[in-house]
Amino acid sequence: MVAEGKDVTTVITAEEQNMVENSSARQGFVPQENGTGFYFVKEKKIKFSC
């Protein structure tokens, strides 16, 4: 369990990153082998040109 207000570092594999990037889901949860996992939320990138 993580204490509220504490920083937590989660290491993800290249496979997990690719799974999130290539997923059509805008948000979700990826379970990890060690019993933990991480939530992700994709945000739209806005390009500005002048």
Protein backbone atom coordinates (compact mmCIF):
# COMPACT_ATOMS: atom_id res chain seq x y z
CA MET A 1 0.00 0.00 0.00
CA VAL A 2 1.24 3.51 -0.79
CA ALA A 3 1.06 6.24 1.83
CA GLU A 4 -0.89 9.27 0.71
CA GLY A 5 1.25 12.26 -0.16
CA LYS A 6 4.35 10.17 -0.90
CA ASP A 7 6.18 10.03 -4.22
CA VAL A 8 6.16 6.66 -5.96
CA THR A 9 8.35 5.61 -8.88
CA THR A 10 6.98 2.95 -11.21
CA VAL A 11 9.26 1.34 -13.76
CA ILE A 12 7.50 0.16 -16.91
CA THR A 13 8.86 -2.09 -19.61
CA ALA A 14 9.11 -1.17 -23.28
CA GLU A 15 6.40 -3.77 -23.91
CA GLU A 16 4.04 -2.08 -21.43
CA GLN A 17 4.74 1.35 -22.95
CA ASN A 18 4.06 0.05 -26.46
CA MET A 19 0.86 -1.61 -25.27
CA VAL A 20 -0.40 1.72 -23.89
CA GLU A 21 0.75 3.76 -26.91
CA ASN A 22 -0.80 1.35 -29.42
CA SER A 23 -4.05 0.91 -27.50
CA SER A 24 -7.16 2.69 -28.70
CA ALA A 25 -8.20 3.14 -25.05
CA ARG A 26 -7.92 6.72 -23.78
CA GLN A 27 -7.40 5.52 -20.21
CA GLY A 28 -6.95 2.27 -18.36
CA PHE A 29 -4.99 0.15 -15.95
CA VAL A 30 -1.99 -2.05 -16.77
CA PRO A 31 -1.28 -4.78 -14.22
CA GLN A 32 2.37 -5.69 -13.68
CA GLU A 33 3.98 -9.03 -12.87
CA ASN A 34 5.04 -7.92 -9.39
CA GLY A 35 1.40 -7.48 -8.35
CA THR A 36 1.29 -3.72 -8.78
CA GLY A 37 0.33 -1.79 -11.90
CA PHE A 38 -0.33 1.67 -13.20
CA TYR A 39 -3.17 3.78 -14.51
CA PHE A 40 -2.75 5.78 -17.69
CA VAL A 41 -4.66 8.64 -19.29
CA LYS A 42 -3.95 9.74 -22.84
CA GLU A 43 -4.23 13.42 -23.57
CA LYS A 44 -4.52 15.06 -26.96
CA LYS A 45 -1.51 17.02 -28.11
CA ILE A 46 -2.34 20.42 -29.55
CA LYS A 47 -0.01 21.79 -32.18
CA PHE A 48 0.38 25.53 -32.43
CA SER A 49 1.86 27.33 -35.39
CA CYS A 50 2.64 31.00 -35.74
